[in-house]
Amino acid sequence: MGRIVVHLDSKPKEKSIASIISDFEDRVRSRGISIHTHGNTKDSGEYESELSRLSGEIVILDPEGDLMSSEQFASWIKSTQLRGETTHFVVGPHEGFSREFKESANSSFSLSRLTMTHEMSAAVLLEQLYRASEINRGSRYHRV
């Protein structure tokens, strides 16, 4: 079963968002989903360089990326995990990714057409990963 790693360029500074991220990190850990914080608060080029060396599928968060419903996302996650390779969800630095890095990614995913901080994006992504795992388990967490 393929793993999922969420990459952040730095630790969240906003305590309330950091708490949300930590809560969902605890919830998804047992499902093969982890967070890797790089700590590159000042050099997005170094962050992109580290990400470029990863093996597996690179999925960037980008407002112009593919939009999916929670159910579609759950199905996509399930198929990704069944392929057996690691999928890296990459949350951009506060100034965003370079065009070159965006073009080198395997795919891009949009949480919303709205602009949000990279910290808020990480919190929303982790909640949606948890929701996807609950949909795939058939739990009542996701009610429509």
N, C-alpha and C. Protein backbone atom coordinates (compact mmCIF):
# COMPACT_ATOMS: atom_id res chain seq x y z
N MET A 1 0.86 -1.18 0.00
CA MET A 1 0.00 0.00 0.00
C MET A 1 0.90 1.23 0.00
N GLY A 2 0.63 2.16 -0.90
CA GLY A 2 1.43 3.37 -1.01
C GLY A 2 1.20 4.33 0.15
N ARG A 3 2.26 5.00 0.50
CA ARG A 3 2.20 5.99 1.57
C ARG A 3 1.87 7.37 0.99
N ILE A 4 1.41 8.24 1.86
CA ILE A 4 1.16 9.63 1.49
C ILE A 4 1.96 10.49 2.46
N VAL A 5 2.71 11.44 1.91
CA VAL A 5 3.48 12.37 2.74
C VAL A 5 3.05 13.78 2.35
N VAL A 6 2.70 14.56 3.35
CA VAL A 6 2.37 15.98 3.15
C VAL A 6 3.60 16.78 3.52
N HIS A 7 4.05 17.62 2.60
CA HIS A 7 5.27 18.41 2.82
C HIS A 7 4.90 19.87 3.08
N LEU A 8 5.49 20.42 4.14
CA LEU A 8 5.33 21.83 4.49
C LEU A 8 6.71 22.47 4.45
N ASP A 9 6.78 23.72 4.01
CA ASP A 9 8.08 24.37 3.94
C ASP A 9 8.60 24.75 5.33
N SER A 10 7.69 24.96 6.29
CA SER A 10 8.10 25.34 7.65
C SER A 10 6.98 25.00 8.62
N LYS A 11 7.30 25.07 9.90
CA LYS A 11 6.28 24.84 10.93
C LYS A 11 5.29 26.00 10.91
N PRO A 12 4.01 25.71 11.06
CA PRO A 12 3.02 26.80 11.10
C PRO A 12 3.28 27.74 12.27
N LYS A 13 3.20 29.02 11.99
CA LYS A 13 3.41 30.03 13.04
C LYS A 13 2.13 30.32 13.81
N GLU A 14 1.01 30.25 13.12
CA GLU A 14 -0.29 30.52 13.74
C GLU A 14 -0.65 29.33 14.64
N LYS A 15 -0.73 29.57 15.95
CA LYS A 15 -0.94 28.48 16.91
C LYS A 15 -2.25 27.73 16.70
N SER A 16 -3.31 28.42 16.35
CA SER A 16 -4.59 27.74 16.17
C SER A 16 -4.55 26.81 14.96
N ILE A 17 -3.89 27.23 13.89
CA ILE A 17 -3.77 26.38 12.71
C ILE A 17 -2.82 25.23 12.99
N ALA A 18 -1.75 25.50 13.72
CA ALA A 18 -0.80 24.44 14.10
C ALA A 18 -1.52 23.36 14.90
N SER A 19 -2.45 23.76 15.74
CA SER A 19 -3.22 22.81 16.55
C SER A 19 -4.11 21.93 15.66
N ILE A 20 -4.75 22.53 14.67
CA ILE A 20 -5.59 21.77 13.73
C ILE A 20 -4.73 20.77 12.96
N ILE A 21 -3.60 21.24 12.47
CA ILE A 21 -2.69 20.37 11.71
C ILE A 21 -2.25 19.20 12.58
N SER A 22 -1.87 19.49 13.80
CA SER A 22 -1.43 18.44 14.73
C SER A 22 -2.54 17.43 15.01
N ASP A 23 -3.76 17.92 15.19
CA ASP A 23 -4.89 17.04 15.45
C ASP A 23 -5.11 16.08 14.28
N PHE A 24 -5.14 16.61 13.06
CA PHE A 24 -5.38 15.74 11.91
C PHE A 24 -4.17 14.86 11.61
N GLU A 25 -2.97 15.34 11.92
CA GLU A 25 -1.78 14.49 11.76
C GLU A 25 -1.91 13.25 12.63
N ASP A 26 -2.38 13.43 13.87
CA ASP A 26 -2.60 12.29 14.77
C ASP A 26 -3.66 11.33 14.20
N ARG A 27 -4.70 11.88 13.60
CA ARG A 27 -5.78 11.05 13.07
C ARG A 27 -5.37 10.22 11.86
N VAL A 28 -4.49 10.76 11.01
CA VAL A 28 -4.15 10.07 9.76
C VAL A 28 -2.89 9.21 9.84
N ARG A 29 -2.14 9.36 10.90
CA ARG A 29 -0.87 8.64 11.02
C ARG A 29 -1.03 7.14 10.82
N SER A 30 -2.05 6.56 11.44
CA SER A 30 -2.25 5.10 11.36
C SER A 30 -2.72 4.66 9.97
N ARG A 31 -3.01 5.61 9.10
CA ARG A 31 -3.49 5.30 7.74
C ARG A 31 -2.42 5.49 6.68
N GLY A 32 -1.17 5.55 7.13
CA GLY A 32 -0.07 5.67 6.18
C GLY A 32 0.14 7.07 5.65
N ILE A 33 -0.34 8.08 6.39
CA ILE A 33 -0.20 9.47 5.98
C ILE A 33 0.65 10.19 7.03
N SER A 34 1.67 10.89 6.57
CA SER A 34 2.54 11.60 7.50
C SER A 34 2.82 13.01 6.99
N ILE A 35 3.40 13.82 7.87
CA ILE A 35 3.78 15.19 7.53
C ILE A 35 5.29 15.31 7.66
N HIS A 36 5.89 15.96 6.68
CA HIS A 36 7.32 16.27 6.76
C HIS A 36 7.46 17.79 6.67
N THR A 37 8.03 18.37 7.71
CA THR A 37 8.26 19.82 7.73
C THR A 37 9.72 20.07 7.40
N HIS A 38 9.96 20.87 6.39
CA HIS A 38 11.31 21.08 5.90
C HIS A 38 12.07 22.17 6.65
N GLY A 39 11.40 23.19 7.17
CA GLY A 39 12.08 24.23 7.93
C GLY A 39 12.78 25.28 7.10
N ASN A 40 12.41 25.43 5.84
CA ASN A 40 13.05 26.42 4.95
C ASN A 40 12.22 27.68 4.89
N THR A 41 12.15 28.41 5.97
CA THR A 41 11.28 29.58 6.01
C THR A 41 11.76 30.72 5.12
N LYS A 42 13.04 30.75 4.76
CA LYS A 42 13.54 31.89 4.00
C LYS A 42 13.93 31.56 2.57
N ASP A 43 14.12 30.29 2.25
CA ASP A 43 14.64 29.96 0.92
C ASP A 43 13.74 28.95 0.23
N SER A 44 12.80 29.45 -0.58
CA SER A 44 11.89 28.54 -1.27
C SER A 44 12.61 27.76 -2.35
N GLY A 45 13.72 28.28 -2.87
CA GLY A 45 14.51 27.54 -3.86
C GLY A 45 15.09 26.27 -3.27
N GLU A 46 15.55 26.35 -2.04
CA GLU A 46 16.08 25.17 -1.35
C GLU A 46 14.96 24.15 -1.11
N TYR A 47 13.79 24.64 -0.73
CA TYR A 47 12.62 23.77 -0.52
C TYR A 47 12.27 23.04 -1.81
N GLU A 48 12.19 23.77 -2.91
CA GLU A 48 11.88 23.16 -4.21
C GLU A 48 12.96 22.15 -4.61
N SER A 49 14.20 22.45 -4.32
CA SER A 49 15.30 21.54 -4.64
C SER A 49 15.16 20.23 -3.86
N GLU A 50 14.84 20.32 -2.58
CA GLU A 50 14.62 19.12 -1.77
C GLU A 50 13.46 18.31 -2.32
N LEU A 51 12.38 18.98 -2.68
CA LEU A 51 11.20 18.30 -3.21
C LEU A 51 11.48 17.62 -4.54
N SER A 52 12.31 18.23 -5.36
CA SER A 52 12.63 17.68 -6.68
C SER A 52 13.36 16.35 -6.59
N ARG A 53 14.02 16.09 -5.46
CA ARG A 53 14.78 14.85 -5.30
C ARG A 53 13.93 13.70 -4.75
N LEU A 54 12.67 13.96 -4.45
CA LEU A 54 11.81 12.91 -3.90
C LEU A 54 11.46 11.87 -4.96
N SER A 55 11.33 10.62 -4.52
CA SER A 55 10.86 9.59 -5.46
C SER A 55 9.38 9.35 -5.19
N GLY A 56 8.65 9.09 -6.23
CA GLY A 56 7.21 8.92 -6.13
C GLY A 56 6.51 10.05 -6.86
N GLU A 57 5.22 10.12 -6.68
CA GLU A 57 4.40 11.13 -7.36
C GLU A 57 4.38 12.43 -6.56
N ILE A 58 4.63 13.54 -7.24
CA ILE A 58 4.60 14.87 -6.63
C ILE A 58 3.29 15.54 -7.04
N VAL A 59 2.48 15.91 -6.04
CA VAL A 59 1.21 16.60 -6.27
C VAL A 59 1.29 17.93 -5.54
N ILE A 60 1.23 19.02 -6.30
CA ILE A 60 1.29 20.33 -5.66
C ILE A 60 -0.12 20.87 -5.44
N LEU A 61 -0.25 21.66 -4.39
CA LEU A 61 -1.50 22.38 -4.17
C LEU A 61 -1.39 23.68 -4.94
N ASP A 62 -2.39 23.94 -5.76
CA ASP A 62 -2.37 25.12 -6.61
C ASP A 62 -3.82 25.50 -6.92
N PRO A 63 -4.19 26.78 -6.73
CA PRO A 63 -5.57 27.19 -7.03
C PRO A 63 -6.01 26.87 -8.45
N GLU A 64 -5.07 26.73 -9.37
CA GLU A 64 -5.40 26.40 -10.76
C GLU A 64 -5.40 24.90 -11.03
N GLY A 65 -5.17 24.10 -10.01
CA GLY A 65 -5.11 22.65 -10.17
C GLY A 65 -6.50 22.04 -10.31
N ASP A 66 -6.54 20.72 -10.39
CA ASP A 66 -7.78 19.97 -10.54
C ASP A 66 -8.65 20.11 -9.30
N LEU A 67 -9.93 20.37 -9.52
CA LEU A 67 -10.91 20.41 -8.43
C LEU A 67 -11.64 19.07 -8.37
N MET A 68 -11.87 18.58 -7.18
CA MET A 68 -12.60 17.33 -6.99
C MET A 68 -13.54 17.48 -5.81
N SER A 69 -14.60 16.69 -5.83
CA SER A 69 -15.46 16.59 -4.65
C SER A 69 -14.72 15.70 -3.64
N SER A 70 -15.20 15.66 -2.41
CA SER A 70 -14.59 14.81 -1.39
C SER A 70 -14.66 13.34 -1.80
N GLU A 71 -15.77 12.94 -2.41
CA GLU A 71 -15.90 11.55 -2.85
C GLU A 71 -14.92 11.22 -3.98
N GLN A 72 -14.76 12.14 -4.91
CA GLN A 72 -13.79 11.92 -5.99
C GLN A 72 -12.37 11.87 -5.44
N PHE A 73 -12.08 12.74 -4.49
CA PHE A 73 -10.76 12.76 -3.87
C PHE A 73 -10.50 11.44 -3.15
N ALA A 74 -11.49 10.92 -2.43
CA ALA A 74 -11.35 9.65 -1.72
C ALA A 74 -11.04 8.53 -2.71
N SER A 75 -11.73 8.51 -3.82
CA SER A 75 -11.49 7.49 -4.85
C SER A 75 -10.08 7.63 -5.41
N TRP A 76 -9.67 8.86 -5.67
CA TRP A 76 -8.32 9.11 -6.19
C TRP A 76 -7.26 8.65 -5.18
N ILE A 77 -7.48 8.96 -3.91
CA ILE A 77 -6.54 8.54 -2.85
C ILE A 77 -6.46 7.02 -2.81
N LYS A 78 -7.58 6.36 -2.87
CA LYS A 78 -7.61 4.90 -2.82
C LYS A 78 -6.80 4.31 -3.98
N SER A 79 -7.01 4.81 -5.18
CA SER A 79 -6.28 4.29 -6.34
C SER A 79 -4.80 4.61 -6.24
N THR A 80 -4.46 5.77 -5.70
CA THR A 80 -3.06 6.15 -5.52
C THR A 80 -2.38 5.21 -4.54
N GLN A 81 -3.04 4.90 -3.44
CA GLN A 81 -2.45 4.02 -2.44
C GLN A 81 -2.31 2.60 -2.98
N LEU A 82 -3.25 2.17 -3.80
CA LEU A 82 -3.18 0.82 -4.36
C LEU A 82 -2.03 0.66 -5.35
N ARG A 83 -1.60 1.76 -5.96
CA ARG A 83 -0.47 1.69 -6.90
C ARG A 83 0.83 1.36 -6.17
N GLY A 84 0.89 1.63 -4.89
CA GLY A 84 2.03 1.22 -4.08
C GLY A 84 3.18 2.20 -3.99
N GLU A 85 3.16 3.28 -4.75
CA GLU A 85 4.25 4.24 -4.64
C GLU A 85 3.88 5.36 -3.66
N THR A 86 4.87 6.07 -3.21
CA THR A 86 4.63 7.18 -2.30
C THR A 86 4.10 8.37 -3.08
N THR A 87 3.06 8.99 -2.54
CA THR A 87 2.50 10.21 -3.11
C THR A 87 2.85 11.36 -2.18
N HIS A 88 3.46 12.39 -2.73
CA HIS A 88 3.88 13.55 -1.96
C HIS A 88 2.96 14.73 -2.28
N PHE A 89 2.16 15.14 -1.30
CA PHE A 89 1.38 16.36 -1.44
C PHE A 89 2.25 17.50 -0.95
N VAL A 90 2.44 18.50 -1.79
CA VAL A 90 3.37 19.56 -1.48
C VAL A 90 2.62 20.88 -1.32
N VAL A 91 2.70 21.43 -0.11
CA VAL A 91 2.10 22.72 0.18
C VAL A 91 3.18 23.77 -0.07
N GLY A 92 2.83 24.76 -0.86
CA GLY A 92 3.82 25.75 -1.27
C GLY A 92 4.27 26.68 -0.15
N PRO A 93 5.39 27.32 -0.37
CA PRO A 93 5.83 28.37 0.55
C PRO A 93 4.92 29.59 0.40
N HIS A 94 5.05 30.53 1.32
CA HIS A 94 4.12 31.66 1.31
C HIS A 94 4.17 32.46 0.01
N GLU A 95 5.30 32.46 -0.70
CA GLU A 95 5.37 33.20 -1.97
C GLU A 95 5.01 32.34 -3.17
N GLY A 96 4.66 31.08 -2.93
CA GLY A 96 4.25 30.19 -4.00
C GLY A 96 5.43 29.49 -4.67
N PHE A 97 5.11 28.57 -5.56
CA PHE A 97 6.13 27.81 -6.28
C PHE A 97 6.55 28.54 -7.55
N SER A 98 7.75 28.25 -7.97
CA SER A 98 8.23 28.79 -9.26
C SER A 98 7.49 28.07 -10.38
N ARG A 99 7.42 28.71 -11.52
CA ARG A 99 6.77 28.12 -12.69
C ARG A 99 7.46 26.80 -13.07
N GLU A 100 8.79 26.77 -12.97
CA GLU A 100 9.53 25.55 -13.32
C GLU A 100 9.14 24.38 -12.42
N PHE A 101 9.01 24.66 -11.12
CA PHE A 101 8.63 23.58 -10.21
C PHE A 101 7.21 23.11 -10.48
N LYS A 102 6.31 24.05 -10.73
CA LYS A 102 4.92 23.68 -11.05
C LYS A 102 4.87 22.78 -12.27
N GLU A 103 5.67 23.10 -13.28
CA GLU A 103 5.67 22.30 -14.51
C GLU A 103 6.30 20.93 -14.31
N SER A 104 7.18 20.79 -13.32
CA SER A 104 7.84 19.50 -13.09
C SER A 104 7.00 18.54 -12.24
N ALA A 105 5.96 19.06 -11.58
CA ALA A 105 5.12 18.21 -10.73
C ALA A 105 4.32 17.23 -11.58
N ASN A 106 4.01 16.07 -11.00
CA ASN A 106 3.19 15.07 -11.71
C ASN A 106 1.77 15.56 -11.91
N SER A 107 1.23 16.26 -10.90
CA SER A 107 -0.12 16.80 -11.01
C SER A 107 -0.30 17.92 -10.01
N SER A 108 -1.40 18.64 -10.16
CA SER A 108 -1.72 19.70 -9.22
C SER A 108 -3.18 19.56 -8.81
N PHE A 109 -3.43 19.92 -7.59
CA PHE A 109 -4.73 19.74 -6.97
C PHE A 109 -5.13 21.05 -6.31
N SER A 110 -6.36 21.45 -6.51
CA SER A 110 -6.87 22.68 -5.90
C SER A 110 -7.85 22.34 -4.79
N LEU A 111 -7.63 22.92 -3.64
CA LEU A 111 -8.57 22.78 -2.54
C LEU A 111 -9.76 23.71 -2.74
N SER A 112 -9.54 24.79 -3.47
CA SER A 112 -10.56 25.80 -3.72
C SER A 112 -9.99 26.81 -4.70
N ARG A 113 -10.86 27.49 -5.40
CA ARG A 113 -10.40 28.59 -6.25
C ARG A 113 -10.09 29.83 -5.40
N LEU A 114 -10.49 29.79 -4.13
CA LEU A 114 -10.18 30.88 -3.22
C LEU A 114 -8.70 30.83 -2.83
N THR A 115 -8.12 31.96 -2.57
CA THR A 115 -6.75 32.01 -2.10
C THR A 115 -6.75 31.85 -0.58
N MET A 116 -5.86 31.01 -0.07
CA MET A 116 -5.71 30.87 1.37
C MET A 116 -4.23 30.77 1.71
N THR A 117 -3.91 31.01 2.95
CA THR A 117 -2.51 30.92 3.37
C THR A 117 -2.02 29.49 3.22
N HIS A 118 -0.71 29.34 3.11
CA HIS A 118 -0.16 28.00 2.98
C HIS A 118 -0.42 27.19 4.25
N GLU A 119 -0.48 27.82 5.40
CA GLU A 119 -0.80 27.12 6.64
C GLU A 119 -2.25 26.62 6.64
N MET A 120 -3.16 27.48 6.21
CA MET A 120 -4.57 27.08 6.14
C MET A 120 -4.76 25.98 5.10
N SER A 121 -4.03 26.06 4.00
CA SER A 121 -4.09 25.01 2.98
C SER A 121 -3.67 23.67 3.56
N ALA A 122 -2.63 23.66 4.37
CA ALA A 122 -2.16 22.42 4.99
C ALA A 122 -3.24 21.84 5.90
N ALA A 123 -3.90 22.69 6.68
CA ALA A 123 -4.96 22.23 7.58
C ALA A 123 -6.13 21.65 6.79
N VAL A 124 -6.54 22.33 5.74
CA VAL A 124 -7.66 21.85 4.91
C VAL A 124 -7.28 20.54 4.21
N LEU A 125 -6.06 20.47 3.69
CA LEU A 125 -5.61 19.24 3.03
C LEU A 125 -5.64 18.06 3.99
N LEU A 126 -5.14 18.25 5.21
CA LEU A 126 -5.12 17.14 6.17
C LEU A 126 -6.53 16.72 6.56
N GLU A 127 -7.44 17.68 6.70
CA GLU A 127 -8.82 17.31 7.00
C GLU A 127 -9.41 16.51 5.85
N GLN A 128 -9.13 16.91 4.62
CA GLN A 128 -9.66 16.19 3.46
C GLN A 128 -9.02 14.81 3.30
N LEU A 129 -7.76 14.67 3.67
CA LEU A 129 -7.14 13.34 3.66
C LEU A 129 -7.79 12.45 4.72
N TYR A 130 -8.08 13.02 5.88
CA TYR A 130 -8.78 12.25 6.91
C TYR A 130 -10.17 11.87 6.41
N ARG A 131 -10.87 12.84 5.84
CA ARG A 131 -12.22 12.59 5.32
C ARG A 131 -12.18 11.50 4.24
N ALA A 132 -11.20 11.57 3.34
CA ALA A 132 -11.07 10.56 2.29
C ALA A 132 -10.86 9.18 2.90
N SER A 133 -10.04 9.11 3.93
CA SER A 133 -9.81 7.80 4.56
C SER A 133 -11.08 7.29 5.24
N GLU A 134 -11.86 8.18 5.79
CA GLU A 134 -13.12 7.78 6.42
C GLU A 134 -14.16 7.37 5.37
N ILE A 135 -14.21 8.07 4.26
CA ILE A 135 -15.10 7.67 3.17
C ILE A 135 -14.72 6.27 2.70
N ASN A 136 -13.43 6.04 2.52
CA ASN A 136 -12.96 4.74 2.04
C ASN A 136 -13.19 3.63 3.06
N ARG A 137 -13.25 3.96 4.33
CA ARG A 137 -13.55 2.98 5.38
C ARG A 137 -15.05 2.77 5.55
N GLY A 138 -15.86 3.67 5.00
CA GLY A 138 -17.31 3.57 5.13
C GLY A 138 -17.85 4.10 6.45
N SER A 139 -17.10 4.97 7.10
CA SER A 139 -17.55 5.51 8.39
C SER A 139 -18.61 6.60 8.18
N ARG A 140 -19.19 7.06 9.27
CA ARG A 140 -20.22 8.10 9.20
C ARG A 140 -19.63 9.50 9.31
N TYR A 141 -18.33 9.66 9.34
CA TYR A 141 -17.71 10.99 9.42
C TYR A 141 -18.17 11.88 8.28
N HIS A 142 -18.22 11.31 7.09
CA HIS A 142 -18.63 12.08 5.90
C HIS A 142 -20.12 11.81 5.65
N ARG A 143 -20.92 12.77 5.99
CA ARG A 143 -22.36 12.64 5.75
C ARG A 143 -22.76 13.64 4.67
N VAL A 144 -23.52 13.18 3.71
CA VAL A 144 -23.99 14.10 2.64
C VAL A 144 -25.47 14.30 2.74
